[in-house]
PDB file of N, CA and C in Angstrom:
ATOM      1  N   MET A   1      -9.567   9.609   3.297  1.00  0.00           N
ATOM      2  CA  MET A   1      -8.553   9.339   4.485  1.00  0.00           C
ATOM      3  C   MET A   1      -8.781   8.066   5.117  1.00  0.00           C
ATOM      4  N   ILE A   2      -7.658   7.286   5.270  1.00  0.00           N
ATOM      5  CA  ILE A   2      -7.702   6.015   6.023  1.00  0.00           C
ATOM      6  C   ILE A   2      -8.034   6.222   7.467  1.00  0.00           C
ATOM      7  N   THR A   3      -8.713   5.488   8.152  1.00  0.00           N
ATOM      8  CA  THR A   3      -8.944   5.749   9.524  1.00  0.00           C
ATOM      9  C   THR A   3      -7.891   5.106  10.196  1.00  0.00           C
ATOM     10  N   SER A   4      -7.726   5.516  11.431  1.00  0.00           N
ATOM     11  CA  SER A   4      -6.740   4.861  12.245  1.00  0.00           C
ATOM     12  C   SER A   4      -6.941   3.419  12.660  1.00  0.00           C
ATOM     13  N   GLU A   5      -8.336   3.044  12.749  1.00  0.00           N
ATOM     14  CA  GLU A   5      -8.651   1.565  13.011  1.00  0.00           C
ATOM     15  C   GLU A   5      -8.274   0.719  11.725  1.00  0.00           C
ATOM     16  N   LYS A   6      -8.563   1.244  10.733  1.00  0.00           N
ATOM     17  CA  LYS A   6      -8.126   0.447   9.500  1.00  0.00           C
ATOM     18  C   LYS A   6      -6.733   0.237   9.367  1.00  0.00           C
ATOM     19  N   LYS A   7      -5.931   1.279   9.689  1.00  0.00           N
ATOM     20  CA  LYS A   7      -4.477   1.311   9.549  1.00  0.00           C
ATOM     21  C   LYS A   7      -4.094   0.291  10.670  1.00  0.00           C
ATOM     22  N   GLN A   8      -4.443   0.273  11.775  1.00  0.00           N
ATOM     23  CA  GLN A   8      -4.048  -0.674  12.676  1.00  0.00           C
ATOM     24  C   GLN A   8      -4.345  -2.005  12.348  1.00  0.00           C
ATOM     25  N   ALA A   9      -5.533  -2.187  11.729  1.00  0.00           N
ATOM     26  CA  ALA A   9      -5.963  -3.520  11.249  1.00  0.00           C
ATOM     27  C   ALA A   9      -4.876  -4.092  10.238  1.00  0.00           C
ATOM     28  N   ILE A  10      -4.563  -3.200   9.428  1.00  0.00           N
ATOM     29  CA  ILE A  10      -3.514  -3.432   8.387  1.00  0.00           C
ATOM     30  C   ILE A  10      -2.084  -3.946   9.063  1.00  0.00           C
ATOM     31  N   ILE A  11      -1.790  -3.128   9.939  1.00  0.00           N
ATOM     32  CA  ILE A  11      -0.345  -3.204  10.512  1.00  0.00           C
ATOM     33  C   ILE A  11      -0.612  -4.566  11.281  1.00  0.00           C
ATOM     34  N   ALA A  12      -1.586  -4.919  12.026  1.00  0.00           N
ATOM     35  CA  ALA A  12      -1.674  -6.136  12.766  1.00  0.00           C
ATOM     36  C   ALA A  12      -1.694  -7.384  11.756  1.00  0.00           C
ATOM     37  N   ASP A  13      -2.294  -7.333  10.536  1.00  0.00           N
ATOM     38  CA  ASP A  13      -2.331  -8.348   9.752  1.00  0.00           C
ATOM     39  C   ASP A  13      -0.845  -8.626   9.013  1.00  0.00           C
ATOM     40  N   LEU A  14      -0.093  -7.609   8.813  1.00  0.00           N
ATOM     41  CA  LEU A  14       1.176  -7.678   7.951  1.00  0.00           C
ATOM     42  C   LEU A  14       2.374  -7.736   8.886  1.00  0.00           C
ATOM     43  N   GLN A  15       2.303  -7.417  10.108  1.00  0.00           N
ATOM     44  CA  GLN A  15       3.570  -7.239  11.015  1.00  0.00           C
ATOM     45  C   GLN A  15       4.038  -8.619  11.253  1.00  0.00           C
ATOM     46  N   GLU A  16       5.466  -8.535  11.236  1.00  0.00           N
ATOM     47  CA  GLU A  16       6.255  -9.806  11.477  1.00  0.00           C
ATOM     48  C   GLU A  16       6.632 -10.011  12.798  1.00  0.00           C
ATOM     49  N   SER A  17       6.704  -8.889  13.727  1.00  0.00           N
ATOM     50  CA  SER A  17       6.995  -9.126  15.116  1.00  0.00           C
ATOM     51  C   SER A  17       5.948  -8.203  15.727  1.00  0.00           C
ATOM     52  N   LYS A  18       5.972  -8.100  17.174  1.00  0.00           N
ATOM     53  CA  LYS A  18       4.974  -7.331  17.796  1.00  0.00           C
ATOM     54  C   LYS A  18       5.471  -5.824  17.799  1.00  0.00           C
ATOM     55  N   LYS A  19       6.652  -5.524  17.662  1.00  0.00           N
ATOM     56  CA  LYS A  19       7.064  -4.045  17.573  1.00  0.00           C
ATOM     57  C   LYS A  19       7.288  -3.741  16.085  1.00  0.00           C
ATOM     58  N   ASP A  20       6.925  -4.430  15.107  1.00  0.00           N
ATOM     59  CA  ASP A  20       6.983  -4.126  13.706  1.00  0.00           C
ATOM     60  C   ASP A  20       5.910  -3.213  13.444  1.00  0.00           C
ATOM     61  N   SER A  21       6.312  -1.824  13.063  1.00  0.00           N
ATOM     62  CA  SER A  21       5.080  -0.991  12.792  1.00  0.00           C
ATOM     63  C   SER A  21       5.279  -0.125  11.380  1.00  0.00           C
ATOM     64  N   GLY A  22       6.625  -0.384  10.938  1.00  0.00           N
ATOM     65  CA  GLY A  22       6.909   0.534   9.689  1.00  0.00           C
ATOM     66  C   GLY A  22       7.793  -0.136   8.705  1.00  0.00           C
ATOM     67  N   SER A  23       7.725  -1.553   8.595  1.00  0.00           N
ATOM     68  CA  SER A  23       8.652  -2.227   7.620  1.00  0.00           C
ATOM     69  C   SER A  23       7.987  -1.887   6.330  1.00  0.00           C
ATOM     70  N   ALA A  24       8.726  -2.323   5.223  1.00  0.00           N
ATOM     71  CA  ALA A  24       8.302  -2.183   3.987  1.00  0.00           C
ATOM     72  C   ALA A  24       6.943  -2.887   3.571  1.00  0.00           C
ATOM     73  N   THR A  25       6.748  -4.059   4.094  1.00  0.00           N
ATOM     74  CA  THR A  25       5.688  -4.728   3.797  1.00  0.00           C
ATOM     75  C   THR A  25       4.421  -4.073   4.408  1.00  0.00           C
ATOM     76  N   ILE A  26       4.574  -3.368   5.650  1.00  0.00           N
ATOM     77  CA  ILE A  26       3.488  -2.714   6.232  1.00  0.00           C
ATOM     78  C   ILE A  26       3.171  -1.409   5.498  1.00  0.00           C
ATOM     79  N   GLN A  27       4.269  -0.736   5.070  1.00  0.00           N
ATOM     80  CA  GLN A  27       4.042   0.452   4.161  1.00  0.00           C
ATOM     81  C   GLN A  27       3.432   0.171   2.845  1.00  0.00           C
ATOM     82  N   VAL A  28       3.743  -1.058   2.252  1.00  0.00           N
ATOM     83  CA  VAL A  28       3.014  -1.378   1.079  1.00  0.00           C
ATOM     84  C   VAL A  28       1.623  -1.574   1.349  1.00  0.00           C
ATOM     85  N   GLY A  29       1.085  -2.180   2.397  1.00  0.00           N
ATOM     86  CA  GLY A  29      -0.186  -2.462   2.663  1.00  0.00           C
ATOM     87  C   GLY A  29      -0.992  -1.205   3.074  1.00  0.00           C
ATOM     88  N   VAL A  30      -0.389  -0.151   3.786  1.00  0.00           N
ATOM     89  CA  VAL A  30      -1.117   0.994   3.968  1.00  0.00           C
ATOM     90  C   VAL A  30      -1.326   1.771   2.829  1.00  0.00           C
ATOM     91  N   LEU A  31      -0.141   2.003   2.010  1.00  0.00           N
ATOM     92  CA  LEU A  31      -0.309   2.641   0.712  1.00  0.00           C
ATOM     93  C   LEU A  31      -1.506   1.977  -0.253  1.00  0.00           C
ATOM     94  N   THR A  32      -1.511   0.675  -0.215  1.00  0.00           N
ATOM     95  CA  THR A  32      -2.512   0.091  -1.044  1.00  0.00           C
ATOM     96  C   THR A  32      -3.922   0.414  -0.710  1.00  0.00           C
ATOM     97  N   GLU A  33      -4.187   0.541   0.578  1.00  0.00           N
ATOM     98  CA  GLU A  33      -5.476   0.938   1.086  1.00  0.00           C
ATOM     99  C   GLU A  33      -5.665   2.440   0.642  1.00  0.00           C
ATOM    100  N   ARG A  34      -4.780   3.223   1.062  1.00  0.00           N
ATOM    101  CA  ARG A  34      -4.933   4.618   0.762  1.00  0.00           C
ATOM    102  C   ARG A  34      -5.123   4.704  -0.961  1.00  0.00           C
ATOM    103  N   ILE A  35      -4.462   3.977  -1.703  1.00  0.00           N
ATOM    104  CA  ILE A  35      -4.568   4.032  -3.224  1.00  0.00           C
ATOM    105  C   ILE A  35      -6.119   3.774  -3.602  1.00  0.00           C
ATOM    106  N   LYS A  36      -6.505   2.602  -2.903  1.00  0.00           N
ATOM    107  CA  LYS A  36      -7.953   2.268  -3.146  1.00  0.00           C
ATOM    108  C   LYS A  36      -8.920   3.401  -2.766  1.00  0.00           C
ATOM    109  N   GLU A  37      -8.826   3.959  -1.633  1.00  0.00           N
ATOM    110  CA  GLU A  37      -9.764   5.060  -1.493  1.00  0.00           C
ATOM    111  C   GLU A  37      -9.685   6.150  -2.201  1.00  0.00           C
ATOM    112  N   LEU A  38      -8.497   6.587  -2.728  1.00  0.00           N
ATOM    113  CA  LEU A  38      -8.229   7.779  -3.654  1.00  0.00           C
ATOM    114  C   LEU A  38      -8.708   7.367  -5.007  1.00  0.00           C
ATOM    115  N   THR A  39      -8.744   6.162  -5.303  1.00  0.00           N
ATOM    116  CA  THR A  39      -9.184   5.716  -6.548  1.00  0.00           C
ATOM    117  C   THR A  39     -10.827   5.811  -6.694  1.00  0.00           C
ATOM    118  N   GLU A  40     -11.404   5.513  -5.628  1.00  0.00           N
ATOM    119  CA  GLU A  40     -12.787   5.784  -5.408  1.00  0.00           C
ATOM    120  C   GLU A  40     -13.197   7.243  -5.569  1.00  0.00           C
ATOM    121  N   HIS A  41     -12.240   8.190  -4.834  1.00  0.00           N
ATOM    122  CA  HIS A  41     -12.616   9.367  -4.858  1.00  0.00           C
ATOM    123  C   HIS A  41     -12.465   9.967  -6.233  1.00  0.00           C
ATOM    124  N   LEU A  42     -11.554   9.735  -6.980  1.00  0.00           N
ATOM    125  CA  LEU A  42     -11.352  10.152  -8.299  1.00  0.00           C
ATOM    126  C   LEU A  42     -12.244   9.708  -9.241  1.00  0.00           C
ATOM    127  N   LYS A  43     -13.022   8.464  -9.048  1.00  0.00           N
ATOM    128  CA  LYS A  43     -14.020   8.018  -9.915  1.00  0.00           C
ATOM    129  C   LYS A  43     -15.336   9.149  -9.791  1.00  0.00           C
ATOM    130  N   LEU A  44     -15.322   9.696  -8.579  1.00  0.00           N
ATOM    131  CA  LEU A  44     -16.598  10.703  -8.430  1.00  0.00           C
ATOM    132  C   LEU A  44     -16.118  12.023  -8.888  1.00  0.00           C
ATOM    133  N   ASN A  45     -14.911  12.390  -8.883  1.00  0.00           N
ATOM    134  CA  ASN A  45     -14.286  13.801  -9.058  1.00  0.00           C
ATOM    135  C   ASN A  45     -13.273  13.682 -10.045  1.00  0.00           C
ATOM    136  N   LYS A  46     -13.672  13.706 -11.258  1.00  0.00           N
ATOM    137  CA  LYS A  46     -12.698  13.448 -12.286  1.00  0.00           C
ATOM    138  C   LYS A  46     -11.794  14.681 -12.512  1.00  0.00           C
ATOM    139  N   HIS A  47     -12.108  15.801 -12.087  1.00  0.00           N
ATOM    140  CA  HIS A  47     -11.191  16.785 -12.270  1.00  0.00           C
ATOM    141  C   HIS A  47     -10.330  17.364 -11.081  1.00  0.00           C
ATOM    142  N   ASP A  48     -10.278  16.311 -10.245  1.00  0.00           N
ATOM    143  CA  ASP A  48      -9.471  16.652  -9.042  1.00  0.00           C
ATOM    144  C   ASP A  48      -7.912  16.373  -9.330  1.00  0.00           C
ATOM    145  N   TYR A  49      -7.226  17.264  -9.962  1.00  0.00           N
ATOM    146  CA  TYR A  49      -5.895  16.871 -10.554  1.00  0.00           C
ATOM    147  C   TYR A  49      -4.963  16.884  -9.484  1.00  0.00           C
ATOM    148  N   ALA A  50      -5.130  17.562  -8.277  1.00  0.00           N
ATOM    149  CA  ALA A  50      -4.172  17.496  -7.145  1.00  0.00           C
ATOM    150  C   ALA A  50      -4.157  16.124  -6.545  1.00  0.00           C
ATOM    151  N   ALA A  51      -5.415  15.546  -6.389  1.00  0.00           N
ATOM    152  CA  ALA A  51      -5.547  14.207  -5.998  1.00  0.00           C
ATOM    153  C   ALA A  51      -5.069  13.262  -6.872  1.00  0.00           C
ATOM    154  N   ARG A  52      -5.239  13.450  -8.279  1.00  0.00           N
ATOM    155  CA  ARG A  52      -4.583  12.519  -9.101  1.00  0.00           C
ATOM    156  C   ARG A  52      -3.101  12.540  -9.238  1.00  0.00           C
ATOM    157  N   ARG A  53      -2.420  13.642  -8.859  1.00  0.00           N
ATOM    158  CA  ARG A  53      -1.032  13.827  -8.714  1.00  0.00           C
ATOM    159  C   ARG A  53      -0.530  12.946  -7.478  1.00  0.00           C
ATOM    160  N   GLY A  54      -1.137  13.174  -6.418  1.00  0.00           N
ATOM    161  CA  GLY A  54      -0.991  12.367  -5.204  1.00  0.00           C
ATOM    162  C   GLY A  54      -1.056  10.968  -5.485  1.00  0.00           C
ATOM    163  N   LEU A  55      -2.012  10.624  -5.980  1.00  0.00           N
ATOM    164  CA  LEU A  55      -2.300   9.003  -6.396  1.00  0.00           C
ATOM    165  C   LEU A  55      -1.141   8.476  -7.050  1.00  0.00           C
ATOM    166  N   LEU A  56      -0.616   9.213  -8.181  1.00  0.00           N
ATOM    167  CA  LEU A  56       0.526   8.714  -9.037  1.00  0.00           C
ATOM    168  C   LEU A  56       1.739   8.714  -8.076  1.00  0.00           C
ATOM    169  N   GLN A  57       1.866   9.636  -7.286  1.00  0.00           N
ATOM    170  CA  GLN A  57       3.008   9.528  -6.299  1.00  0.00           C
ATOM    171  C   GLN A  57       3.151   8.373  -5.392  1.00  0.00           C
ATOM    172  N   MET A  58       1.909   8.059  -4.905  1.00  0.00           N
ATOM    173  CA  MET A  58       1.790   6.910  -4.071  1.00  0.00           C
ATOM    174  C   MET A  58       1.892   5.611  -4.691  1.00  0.00           C
ATOM    175  N   VAL A  59       1.460   5.524  -5.970  1.00  0.00           N
ATOM    176  CA  VAL A  59       1.587   4.384  -6.760  1.00  0.00           C
ATOM    177  C   VAL A  59       3.145   4.130  -7.152  1.00  0.00           C
ATOM    178  N   GLY A  60       3.771   5.182  -7.420  1.00  0.00           N
ATOM    179  CA  GLY A  60       5.268   5.144  -7.537  1.00  0.00           C
ATOM    180  C   GLY A  60       6.084   4.651  -6.230  1.00  0.00           C
ATOM    181  N   ARG A  61       5.669   5.289  -5.189  1.00  0.00           N
ATOM    182  CA  ARG A  61       6.301   4.908  -3.873  1.00  0.00           C
ATOM    183  C   ARG A  61       6.076   3.489  -3.525  1.00  0.00           C
ATOM    184  N   ARG A  62       4.902   2.804  -3.840  1.00  0.00           N
ATOM    185  CA  ARG A  62       4.551   1.622  -3.741  1.00  0.00           C
ATOM    186  C   ARG A  62       5.268   0.661  -4.620  1.00  0.00           C
ATOM    187  N   ARG A  63       5.495   1.045  -5.870  1.00  0.00           N
ATOM    188  CA  ARG A  63       6.280   0.288  -6.713  1.00  0.00           C
ATOM    189  C   ARG A  63       7.578   0.156  -6.325  1.00  0.00           C
ATOM    190  N   ARG A  64       8.249   1.161  -5.872  1.00  0.00           N
ATOM    191  CA  ARG A  64       9.623   1.140  -5.372  1.00  0.00           C
ATOM    192  C   ARG A  64       9.819   0.258  -4.171  1.00  0.00           C
ATOM    193  N   LEU A  65       8.882   0.315  -3.283  1.00  0.00           N
ATOM    194  CA  LEU A  65       8.906  -0.522  -2.125  1.00  0.00           C
ATOM    195  C   LEU A  65       8.734  -2.102  -2.499  1.00  0.00           C
ATOM    196  N   LEU A  66       7.897  -2.208  -3.382  1.00  0.00           N
ATOM    197  CA  LEU A  66       7.754  -3.718  -3.858  1.00  0.00           C
ATOM    198  C   LEU A  66       8.875  -4.233  -4.570  1.00  0.00           C
ATOM    199  N   LYS A  67       9.717  -3.304  -5.221  1.00  0.00           N
ATOM    200  CA  LYS A  67      10.902  -3.802  -5.911  1.00  0.00           C
ATOM    201  C   LYS A  67      11.887  -3.941  -4.919  1.00  0.00           C
ATOM    202  N   TYR A  68      11.943  -3.213  -3.826  1.00  0.00           N
ATOM    203  CA  TYR A  68      12.861  -3.479  -2.713  1.00  0.00           C
ATOM    204  C   TYR A  68      12.576  -4.849  -1.993  1.00  0.00           C
ATOM    205  N   ILE A  69      11.344  -5.251  -1.830  1.00  0.00           N
ATOM    206  CA  ILE A  69      10.971  -6.374  -1.145  1.00  0.00           C
ATOM    207  C   ILE A  69      11.474  -7.444  -2.164  1.00  0.00           C
ATOM    208  N   ALA A  70      11.098  -7.428  -3.506  1.00  0.00           N
ATOM    209  CA  ALA A  70      11.433  -8.422  -4.430  1.00  0.00           C
ATOM    210  C   ALA A  70      12.868  -8.652  -4.438  1.00  0.00           C
ATOM    211  N   ASP A  71      13.770  -7.766  -4.444  1.00  0.00           N
ATOM    212  CA  ASP A  71      15.159  -7.872  -4.505  1.00  0.00           C
ATOM    213  C   ASP A  71      15.635  -8.488  -3.171  1.00  0.00           C
ATOM    214  N   LYS A  72      15.103  -8.192  -2.147  1.00  0.00           N
ATOM    215  CA  LYS A  72      15.502  -8.650  -0.894  1.00  0.00           C
ATOM    216  C   LYS A  72      14.974 -10.003  -0.666  1.00  0.00           C
ATOM    217  N   ASP A  73      13.781 -10.472  -0.831  1.00  0.00           N
ATOM    218  CA  ASP A  73      13.157 -11.859  -0.646  1.00  0.00           C
ATOM    219  C   ASP A  73      11.969 -11.992  -1.546  1.00  0.00           C
ATOM    220  N   SER A  74      12.331 -12.849  -2.551  1.00  0.00           N
ATOM    221  CA  SER A  74      11.453 -12.969  -3.704  1.00  0.00           C
ATOM    222  C   SER A  74      10.152 -13.752  -3.152  1.00  0.00           C
ATOM    223  N   GLN A  75      10.310 -14.619  -2.311  1.00  0.00           N
ATOM    224  CA  GLN A  75       9.031 -15.372  -1.779  1.00  0.00           C
ATOM    225  C   GLN A  75       8.184 -14.532  -0.963  1.00  0.00           C
ATOM    226  N   ALA A  76       8.766 -13.641  -0.086  1.00  0.00           N
ATOM    227  CA  ALA A  76       8.025 -12.683   0.663  1.00  0.00           C
ATOM    228  C   ALA A  76       7.274 -11.655  -0.337  1.00  0.00           C
ATOM    229  N   TYR A  77       7.839 -11.394  -1.372  1.00  0.00           N
ATOM    230  CA  TYR A  77       7.242 -10.423  -2.236  1.00  0.00           C
ATOM    231  C   TYR A  77       5.987 -11.128  -2.986  1.00  0.00           C
ATOM    232  N   LEU A  78       6.134 -12.476  -3.423  1.00  0.00           N
ATOM    233  CA  LEU A  78       4.962 -13.157  -3.929  1.00  0.00           C
ATOM    234  C   LEU A  78       3.862 -13.300  -2.926  1.00  0.00           C
ATOM    235  N   ASP A  79       4.126 -13.577  -1.736  1.00  0.00           N
ATOM    236  CA  ASP A  79       3.346 -13.885  -0.622  1.00  0.00           C
ATOM    237  C   ASP A  79       2.546 -12.522  -0.355  1.00  0.00           C
ATOM    238  N   LEU A  80       3.142 -11.332  -0.359  1.00  0.00           N
ATOM    239  CA  LEU A  80       2.636 -10.104  -0.200  1.00  0.00           C
ATOM    240  C   LEU A  80       1.681  -9.650  -1.242  1.00  0.00           C
ATOM    241  N   ILE A  81       2.056  -9.843  -2.576  1.00  0.00           N
ATOM    242  CA  ILE A  81       1.166  -9.437  -3.667  1.00  0.00           C
ATOM    243  C   ILE A  81      -0.025 -10.370  -3.637  1.00  0.00           C
ATOM    244  N   LYS A  82       0.180 -11.522  -3.250  1.00  0.00           N
ATOM    245  CA  LYS A  82      -1.033 -12.375  -3.233  1.00  0.00           C
ATOM    246  C   LYS A  82      -2.029 -11.916  -2.118  1.00  0.00           C
ATOM    247  N   LYS A  83      -1.459 -11.783  -1.109  1.00  0.00           N
ATOM    248  CA  LYS A  83      -2.280 -11.361   0.065  1.00  0.00           C
ATOM    249  C   LYS A  83      -3.136  -9.918  -0.097  1.00  0.00           C
ATOM    250  N   LEU A  84      -2.422  -9.097  -0.785  1.00  0.00           N
ATOM    251  CA  LEU A  84      -3.050  -7.853  -1.066  1.00  0.00           C
ATOM    252  C   LEU A  84      -3.878  -7.596  -2.419  1.00  0.00           C
ATOM    253  N   GLY A  85      -3.651  -8.761  -3.015  1.00  0.00           N
ATOM    254  CA  GLY A  85      -4.491  -8.853  -4.426  1.00  0.00           C
ATOM    255  C   GLY A  85      -3.969  -8.000  -5.501  1.00  0.00           C
ATOM    256  N   LEU A  86      -2.567  -7.767  -5.496  1.00  0.00           N
ATOM    257  CA  LEU A  86      -2.042  -7.039  -6.482  1.00  0.00           C
ATOM    258  C   LEU A  86      -1.569  -7.783  -7.680  1.00  0.00           C
ATOM    259  N   ARG A  87      -1.363  -7.040  -8.934  1.00  0.00           N
ATOM    260  CA  ARG A  87      -0.725  -7.908 -10.125  1.00  0.00           C
ATOM    261  C   ARG A  87       0.763  -7.703 -10.020  1.00  0.00           C
ATOM    262  N   ARG A  88       1.351  -8.750 -10.653  1.00  0.00           N
ATOM    263  CA  ARG A  88       2.828  -8.582 -10.704  1.00  0.00           C
ATOM    264  C   ARG A  88       3.387  -7.677 -11.567  1.00  0.00           C
TER     265      ARG A  88
END
């Protein structure tokens, strides 16, 4: 589970304005961190199929949000995936 301190750090790093707390870029950043933590959990617990299903749902949600960002502003999409270390 992602800690609130880590989530606030991600929000502070990705927000575009002071009141921005739920834009698509922030949602992608938080989902990326949750996906990383869940991937580490699944490396240790190979038979946790419920967690695997949740992971696949998060990956799909992140993919849809990234597609939305890419359609809206391609340069912002490229900057975001570079900052988060994601593949295109």
